[in-house]
Amino acid sequence: MRLRTSFLAALPLVVVYVILSSCASRSREVAVISTSSGDIVLGFFDEDAPRHVENFKKLAREGFYEGTTFHRVIPGFMIQGGDPNSKDADRANDGMGGPSYDIPAEIKMPHKRGTLAAARMGDEVNPERKSSGSQFFICVADAPFLDGQYTAFGEVLSGMDVVDKIVAAPRDDRDNPITPITINKVTLRPAKPGETR
């Protein structure tokens, strides 16, 4: 009887240990966007926009973003990339491409400096505010006017100096950098200590 009582008393501690061990073994992933201007490390809002996060990770694993460019840069606002059309020499079609699907909106998080969000078509043709299957943008300043309009699914953990360098690049009348700023690769890796939100 005494052994059974001791076991029952210790059971909550065992459960807590198992839960903590499980959490520790599942480290969060971050993405590293390696560009011709430097590296940008992104953390994800896994709980707030799980479909967007999983889609971005899937495309990164497939090498989808390799060779695409940041095709739209607007100082004081954002940089935009992820369009496969930006791989070709026709700058006029940049911003119009992507995979053959959209992602249902997961609009919850605010748009602050460093926020990673999904691009989308305007409300007049997209009243459900579905996101582009691949295009994304990174805010270079707080953008509260986007709150409730677009899905934010991550944030810059390091490399905002690279984002600032990209947004300052000389650009044409379509806000496309005159010298292409290429995404060489997007890799996923476990977060380092202190690297997640």
C-alpha atoms as a PDB file:
ATOM      1  CA  MET A   1       0.000   0.000   0.000  1.00  0.00           C
ATOM      2  CA  ARG A   2       2.819   2.413   0.876  1.00  0.00           C
ATOM      3  CA  LEU A   3       4.532   1.686  -2.489  1.00  0.00           C
ATOM      4  CA  ARG A   4       1.304   2.425  -4.379  1.00  0.00           C
ATOM      5  CA  THR A   5       0.830   5.706  -2.498  1.00  0.00           C
ATOM      6  CA  SER A   6       4.420   6.742  -3.257  1.00  0.00           C
ATOM      7  CA  PHE A   7       3.911   5.935  -6.940  1.00  0.00           C
ATOM      8  CA  LEU A   8       0.690   7.947  -7.106  1.00  0.00           C
ATOM      9  CA  ALA A   9       2.357  10.891  -5.381  1.00  0.00           C
ATOM     10  CA  ALA A  10       5.223  10.838  -7.904  1.00  0.00           C
ATOM     11  CA  LEU A  11       2.971  10.430 -10.957  1.00  0.00           C
ATOM     12  CA  PRO A  12       2.347  14.186 -11.519  1.00  0.00           C
ATOM     13  CA  LEU A  13       6.099  14.802 -11.536  1.00  0.00           C
ATOM     14  CA  VAL A  14       6.596  12.077 -14.141  1.00  0.00           C
ATOM     15  CA  VAL A  15       3.862  13.593 -16.346  1.00  0.00           C
ATOM     16  CA  VAL A  16       5.431  17.075 -16.095  1.00  0.00           C
ATOM     17  CA  TYR A  17       8.859  15.646 -16.954  1.00  0.00           C
ATOM     18  CA  VAL A  18       7.490  13.834 -20.029  1.00  0.00           C
ATOM     19  CA  ILE A  19       5.727  16.990 -21.251  1.00  0.00           C
ATOM     20  CA  LEU A  20       8.809  19.175 -20.772  1.00  0.00           C
ATOM     21  CA  SER A  21      11.057  16.619 -22.453  1.00  0.00           C
ATOM     22  CA  SER A  22       8.688  16.430 -25.389  1.00  0.00           C
ATOM     23  CA  CYS A  23       8.645  20.216 -25.793  1.00  0.00           C
ATOM     24  CA  ALA A  24      12.427  20.463 -25.560  1.00  0.00           C
ATOM     25  CA  SER A  25      12.947  17.808 -28.224  1.00  0.00           C
ATOM     26  CA  ARG A  26      10.727  19.656 -30.725  1.00  0.00           C
ATOM     27  CA  SER A  27      12.793  22.740 -31.400  1.00  0.00           C
ATOM     28  CA  ARG A  28      11.169  25.343 -33.616  1.00  0.00           C
ATOM     29  CA  GLU A  29      12.428  25.832 -37.124  1.00  0.00           C
ATOM     30  CA  VAL A  30      13.604  29.097 -38.579  1.00  0.00           C
ATOM     31  CA  ALA A  31      14.186  29.945 -42.226  1.00  0.00           C
ATOM     32  CA  VAL A  32      17.325  31.579 -43.578  1.00  0.00           C
ATOM     33  CA  ILE A  33      16.803  33.524 -46.793  1.00  0.00           C
ATOM     34  CA  SER A  34      20.236  33.782 -48.405  1.00  0.00           C
ATOM     35  CA  THR A  35      20.163  36.722 -50.818  1.00  0.00           C
ATOM     36  CA  SER A  36      22.683  38.495 -53.008  1.00  0.00           C
ATOM     37  CA  SER A  37      22.620  41.237 -50.323  1.00  0.00           C
ATOM     38  CA  GLY A  38      23.062  38.987 -47.263  1.00  0.00           C
ATOM     39  CA  ASP A  39      21.081  36.652 -45.002  1.00  0.00           C
ATOM     40  CA  ILE A  40      17.692  37.205 -43.370  1.00  0.00           C
ATOM     41  CA  VAL A  41      16.602  34.843 -40.558  1.00  0.00           C
ATOM     42  CA  LEU A  42      12.858  34.387 -40.136  1.00  0.00           C
ATOM     43  CA  GLY A  43      10.826  33.001 -37.238  1.00  0.00           C
ATOM     44  CA  PHE A  44       7.269  31.778 -37.772  1.00  0.00           C
ATOM     45  CA  PHE A  45       3.856  32.359 -36.184  1.00  0.00           C
ATOM     46  CA  ASP A  46       3.090  28.617 -36.154  1.00  0.00           C
ATOM     47  CA  GLU A  47       0.002  28.884 -33.965  1.00  0.00           C
ATOM     48  CA  ASP A  48      -1.510  31.946 -35.643  1.00  0.00           C
ATOM     49  CA  ALA A  49      -1.004  31.065 -39.328  1.00  0.00           C
ATOM     50  CA  PRO A  50      -0.220  27.336 -39.546  1.00  0.00           C
ATOM     51  CA  ARG A  51      -1.250  26.896 -43.198  1.00  0.00           C
ATOM     52  CA  HIS A  52       0.927  29.794 -44.343  1.00  0.00           C
ATOM     53  CA  VAL A  53       3.897  28.614 -42.299  1.00  0.00           C
ATOM     54  CA  GLU A  54       3.648  25.057 -43.604  1.00  0.00           C
ATOM     55  CA  ASN A  55       3.281  26.283 -47.188  1.00  0.00           C
ATOM     56  CA  PHE A  56       6.365  28.527 -46.937  1.00  0.00           C
ATOM     57  CA  LYS A  57       8.382  25.656 -45.443  1.00  0.00           C
ATOM     58  CA  LYS A  58       7.183  23.258 -48.147  1.00  0.00           C
ATOM     59  CA  LEU A  59       8.223  25.650 -50.913  1.00  0.00           C
ATOM     60  CA  ALA A  60      11.588  26.243 -49.216  1.00  0.00           C
ATOM     61  CA  ARG A  61      12.235  22.487 -49.014  1.00  0.00           C
ATOM     62  CA  GLU A  62      11.358  22.124 -52.703  1.00  0.00           C
ATOM     63  CA  GLY A  63      13.787  24.905 -53.700  1.00  0.00           C
ATOM     64  CA  PHE A  64      10.902  26.942 -55.136  1.00  0.00           C
ATOM     65  CA  TYR A  65      12.367  30.311 -54.113  1.00  0.00           C
ATOM     66  CA  GLU A  66      15.856  29.702 -55.517  1.00  0.00           C
ATOM     67  CA  GLY A  67      16.619  32.223 -58.241  1.00  0.00           C
ATOM     68  CA  THR A  68      13.599  34.444 -57.565  1.00  0.00           C
ATOM     69  CA  THR A  69      14.149  38.114 -56.786  1.00  0.00           C
ATOM     70  CA  PHE A  70      12.790  40.825 -54.552  1.00  0.00           C
ATOM     71  CA  HIS A  71      10.767  42.361 -57.365  1.00  0.00           C
ATOM     72  CA  ARG A  72       9.087  45.197 -55.442  1.00  0.00           C
ATOM     73  CA  VAL A  73      10.799  47.464 -52.909  1.00  0.00           C
ATOM     74  CA  ILE A  74       9.132  50.538 -51.437  1.00  0.00           C
ATOM     75  CA  PRO A  75      11.114  52.627 -48.929  1.00  0.00           C
ATOM     76  CA  GLY A  76       9.217  53.230 -45.708  1.00  0.00           C
ATOM     77  CA  PHE A  77       6.911  50.291 -46.460  1.00  0.00           C
ATOM     78  CA  MET A  78       8.148  46.846 -47.522  1.00  0.00           C
ATOM     79  CA  ILE A  79      10.119  44.484 -49.780  1.00  0.00           C
ATOM     80  CA  GLN A  80       8.280  41.787 -51.758  1.00  0.00           C
ATOM     81  CA  GLY A  81       9.510  38.535 -53.266  1.00  0.00           C
ATOM     82  CA  GLY A  82       8.619  34.931 -53.984  1.00  0.00           C
ATOM     83  CA  ASP A  83       7.341  35.260 -57.558  1.00  0.00           C
ATOM     84  CA  PRO A  84       8.684  32.558 -59.927  1.00  0.00           C
ATOM     85  CA  ASN A  85       8.103  34.966 -62.845  1.00  0.00           C
ATOM     86  CA  SER A  86      10.989  37.046 -61.490  1.00  0.00           C
ATOM     87  CA  LYS A  87      13.416  34.345 -62.620  1.00  0.00           C
ATOM     88  CA  ASP A  88      13.066  35.343 -66.269  1.00  0.00           C
ATOM     89  CA  ALA A  89      14.275  38.463 -68.064  1.00  0.00           C
ATOM     90  CA  ASP A  90      10.763  39.902 -68.517  1.00  0.00           C
ATOM     91  CA  ARG A  91      10.415  42.411 -65.691  1.00  0.00           C
ATOM     92  CA  ALA A  92       6.875  43.296 -66.819  1.00  0.00           C
ATOM     93  CA  ASN A  93       5.468  39.997 -65.510  1.00  0.00           C
ATOM     94  CA  ASP A  94       7.095  40.220 -62.068  1.00  0.00           C
ATOM     95  CA  GLY A  95       4.472  40.173 -59.323  1.00  0.00           C
ATOM     96  CA  MET A  96       1.949  38.118 -61.307  1.00  0.00           C
ATOM     97  CA  GLY A  97       3.213  34.572 -60.777  1.00  0.00           C
ATOM     98  CA  GLY A  98       3.001  31.794 -58.245  1.00  0.00           C
ATOM     99  CA  PRO A  99       1.901  28.204 -57.859  1.00  0.00           C
ATOM    100  CA  SER A 100      -1.585  27.286 -59.041  1.00  0.00           C
ATOM    101  CA  TYR A 101      -3.244  27.723 -55.646  1.00  0.00           C
ATOM    102  CA  ASP A 102      -4.131  30.287 -52.987  1.00  0.00           C
ATOM    103  CA  ILE A 103      -4.056  29.913 -49.206  1.00  0.00           C
ATOM    104  CA  PRO A 104      -7.143  30.633 -47.082  1.00  0.00           C
ATOM    105  CA  ALA A 105      -6.712  33.790 -45.002  1.00  0.00           C
ATOM    106  CA  GLU A 106      -5.362  33.471 -41.436  1.00  0.00           C
ATOM    107  CA  ILE A 107      -5.573  37.145 -40.525  1.00  0.00           C
ATOM    108  CA  LYS A 108      -4.677  37.657 -36.856  1.00  0.00           C
ATOM    109  CA  MET A 109      -1.293  39.264 -36.310  1.00  0.00           C
ATOM    110  CA  PRO A 110      -0.315  42.962 -36.667  1.00  0.00           C
ATOM    111  CA  HIS A 111       2.097  44.307 -39.258  1.00  0.00           C
ATOM    112  CA  LYS A 112       5.132  45.772 -37.523  1.00  0.00           C
ATOM    113  CA  ARG A 113       8.658  46.477 -38.691  1.00  0.00           C
ATOM    114  CA  GLY A 114      10.125  43.069 -39.549  1.00  0.00           C
ATOM    115  CA  THR A 115       6.791  41.298 -40.042  1.00  0.00           C
ATOM    116  CA  LEU A 116       6.683  38.576 -42.714  1.00  0.00           C
ATOM    117  CA  ALA A 117       3.311  38.499 -44.486  1.00  0.00           C
ATOM    118  CA  ALA A 118       1.675  36.926 -47.518  1.00  0.00           C
ATOM    119  CA  ALA A 119       0.923  39.002 -50.597  1.00  0.00           C
ATOM    120  CA  ARG A 120      -2.502  38.710 -52.228  1.00  0.00           C
ATOM    121  CA  MET A 121      -4.790  40.050 -54.911  1.00  0.00           C
ATOM    122  CA  GLY A 122      -6.982  43.024 -53.998  1.00  0.00           C
ATOM    123  CA  ASP A 123     -10.424  42.807 -52.394  1.00  0.00           C
ATOM    124  CA  GLU A 124     -12.239  43.617 -55.642  1.00  0.00           C
ATOM    125  CA  VAL A 125     -11.175  40.258 -57.129  1.00  0.00           C
ATOM    126  CA  ASN A 126     -10.424  38.477 -53.841  1.00  0.00           C
ATOM    127  CA  PRO A 127     -13.072  39.349 -51.228  1.00  0.00           C
ATOM    128  CA  GLU A 128     -12.077  36.338 -49.098  1.00  0.00           C
ATOM    129  CA  ARG A 129      -8.557  37.794 -48.837  1.00  0.00           C
ATOM    130  CA  LYS A 130      -6.897  34.524 -49.804  1.00  0.00           C
ATOM    131  CA  SER A 131      -3.113  34.762 -49.948  1.00  0.00           C
ATOM    132  CA  SER A 132      -0.805  34.166 -52.879  1.00  0.00           C
ATOM    133  CA  GLY A 133       0.621  30.661 -52.927  1.00  0.00           C
ATOM    134  CA  SER A 134       4.222  31.917 -52.813  1.00  0.00           C
ATOM    135  CA  GLN A 135       4.630  35.702 -52.772  1.00  0.00           C
ATOM    136  CA  PHE A 136       5.504  37.335 -49.475  1.00  0.00           C
ATOM    137  CA  PHE A 137       6.617  40.678 -48.141  1.00  0.00           C
ATOM    138  CA  ILE A 138       8.615  41.975 -45.184  1.00  0.00           C
ATOM    139  CA  CYS A 139       7.598  45.273 -43.595  1.00  0.00           C
ATOM    140  CA  VAL A 140      10.398  47.806 -43.142  1.00  0.00           C
ATOM    141  CA  ALA A 141       8.200  49.981 -40.907  1.00  0.00           C
ATOM    142  CA  ASP A 142       5.074  49.505 -38.801  1.00  0.00           C
ATOM    143  CA  ALA A 143       2.075  49.223 -41.159  1.00  0.00           C
ATOM    144  CA  PRO A 144      -1.113  49.222 -39.038  1.00  0.00           C
ATOM    145  CA  PHE A 145      -3.201  49.999 -42.134  1.00  0.00           C
ATOM    146  CA  LEU A 146      -2.520  46.382 -43.222  1.00  0.00           C
ATOM    147  CA  ASP A 147      -3.863  44.901 -39.969  1.00  0.00           C
ATOM    148  CA  GLY A 148      -7.014  42.896 -40.608  1.00  0.00           C
ATOM    149  CA  GLN A 149      -6.224  42.884 -44.346  1.00  0.00           C
ATOM    150  CA  TYR A 150      -3.296  40.499 -44.876  1.00  0.00           C
ATOM    151  CA  THR A 151      -1.996  37.332 -43.215  1.00  0.00           C
ATOM    152  CA  ALA A 152       1.179  37.868 -41.197  1.00  0.00           C
ATOM    153  CA  PHE A 153       2.929  34.544 -40.612  1.00  0.00           C
ATOM    154  CA  GLY A 154       6.374  35.352 -39.255  1.00  0.00           C
ATOM    155  CA  GLU A 155       8.999  37.933 -38.406  1.00  0.00           C
ATOM    156  CA  VAL A 156      12.625  38.788 -39.001  1.00  0.00           C
ATOM    157  CA  LEU A 157      14.780  37.506 -36.146  1.00  0.00           C
ATOM    158  CA  SER A 158      18.032  38.825 -37.593  1.00  0.00           C
ATOM    159  CA  GLY A 159      19.070  40.499 -40.801  1.00  0.00           C
ATOM    160  CA  MET A 160      16.922  43.646 -40.730  1.00  0.00           C
ATOM    161  CA  ASP A 161      20.065  45.465 -41.876  1.00  0.00           C
ATOM    162  CA  VAL A 162      19.881  43.332 -45.037  1.00  0.00           C
ATOM    163  CA  VAL A 163      16.163  44.149 -45.453  1.00  0.00           C
ATOM    164  CA  ASP A 164      16.992  47.862 -45.074  1.00  0.00           C
ATOM    165  CA  LYS A 165      19.747  47.534 -47.678  1.00  0.00           C
ATOM    166  CA  ILE A 166      17.347  45.834 -50.114  1.00  0.00           C
ATOM    167  CA  VAL A 167      14.598  48.449 -49.689  1.00  0.00           C
ATOM    168  CA  ALA A 168      17.115  51.235 -50.388  1.00  0.00           C
ATOM    169  CA  ALA A 169      18.218  49.776 -53.731  1.00  0.00           C
ATOM    170  CA  PRO A 170      17.727  52.004 -56.809  1.00  0.00           C
ATOM    171  CA  ARG A 171      14.520  50.933 -58.538  1.00  0.00           C
ATOM    172  CA  ASP A 172      12.540  51.465 -61.722  1.00  0.00           C
ATOM    173  CA  ASP A 173       9.082  53.030 -62.057  1.00  0.00           C
ATOM    174  CA  ARG A 174       7.498  49.676 -61.051  1.00  0.00           C
ATOM    175  CA  ASP A 175       9.534  49.666 -57.782  1.00  0.00           C
ATOM    176  CA  ASN A 176      11.604  46.756 -59.122  1.00  0.00           C
ATOM    177  CA  PRO A 177      15.315  47.031 -58.209  1.00  0.00           C
ATOM    178  CA  ILE A 178      17.348  47.990 -61.264  1.00  0.00           C
ATOM    179  CA  THR A 179      20.041  45.490 -60.274  1.00  0.00           C
ATOM    180  CA  PRO A 180      18.196  42.265 -59.376  1.00  0.00           C
ATOM    181  CA  ILE A 181      18.386  41.226 -55.727  1.00  0.00           C
ATOM    182  CA  THR A 182      18.277  37.447 -55.901  1.00  0.00           C
ATOM    183  CA  ILE A 183      17.126  34.866 -53.388  1.00  0.00           C
ATOM    184  CA  ASN A 184      19.878  32.273 -53.721  1.00  0.00           C
ATOM    185  CA  LYS A 185      18.321  29.777 -51.327  1.00  0.00           C
ATOM    186  CA  VAL A 186      15.890  29.428 -48.437  1.00  0.00           C
ATOM    187  CA  THR A 187      17.000  26.867 -45.850  1.00  0.00           C
ATOM    188  CA  LEU A 188      15.259  25.599 -42.736  1.00  0.00           C
ATOM    189  CA  ARG A 189      17.128  24.798 -39.556  1.00  0.00           C
ATOM    190  CA  PRO A 190      16.413  24.409 -35.839  1.00  0.00           C
ATOM    191  CA  ALA A 191      16.228  27.696 -33.930  1.00  0.00           C
ATOM    192  CA  LYS A 192      19.234  28.599 -31.835  1.00  0.00           C
ATOM    193  CA  PRO A 193      18.731  29.494 -28.148  1.00  0.00           C
ATOM    194  CA  GLY A 194      17.038  32.874 -27.876  1.00  0.00           C
ATOM    195  CA  GLU A 195      16.219  32.938 -31.587  1.00  0.00           C
ATOM    196  CA  THR A 196      12.459  32.333 -31.382  1.00  0.00           C
ATOM    197  CA  ARG A 197       9.770  34.746 -30.276  1.00  0.00           C
END
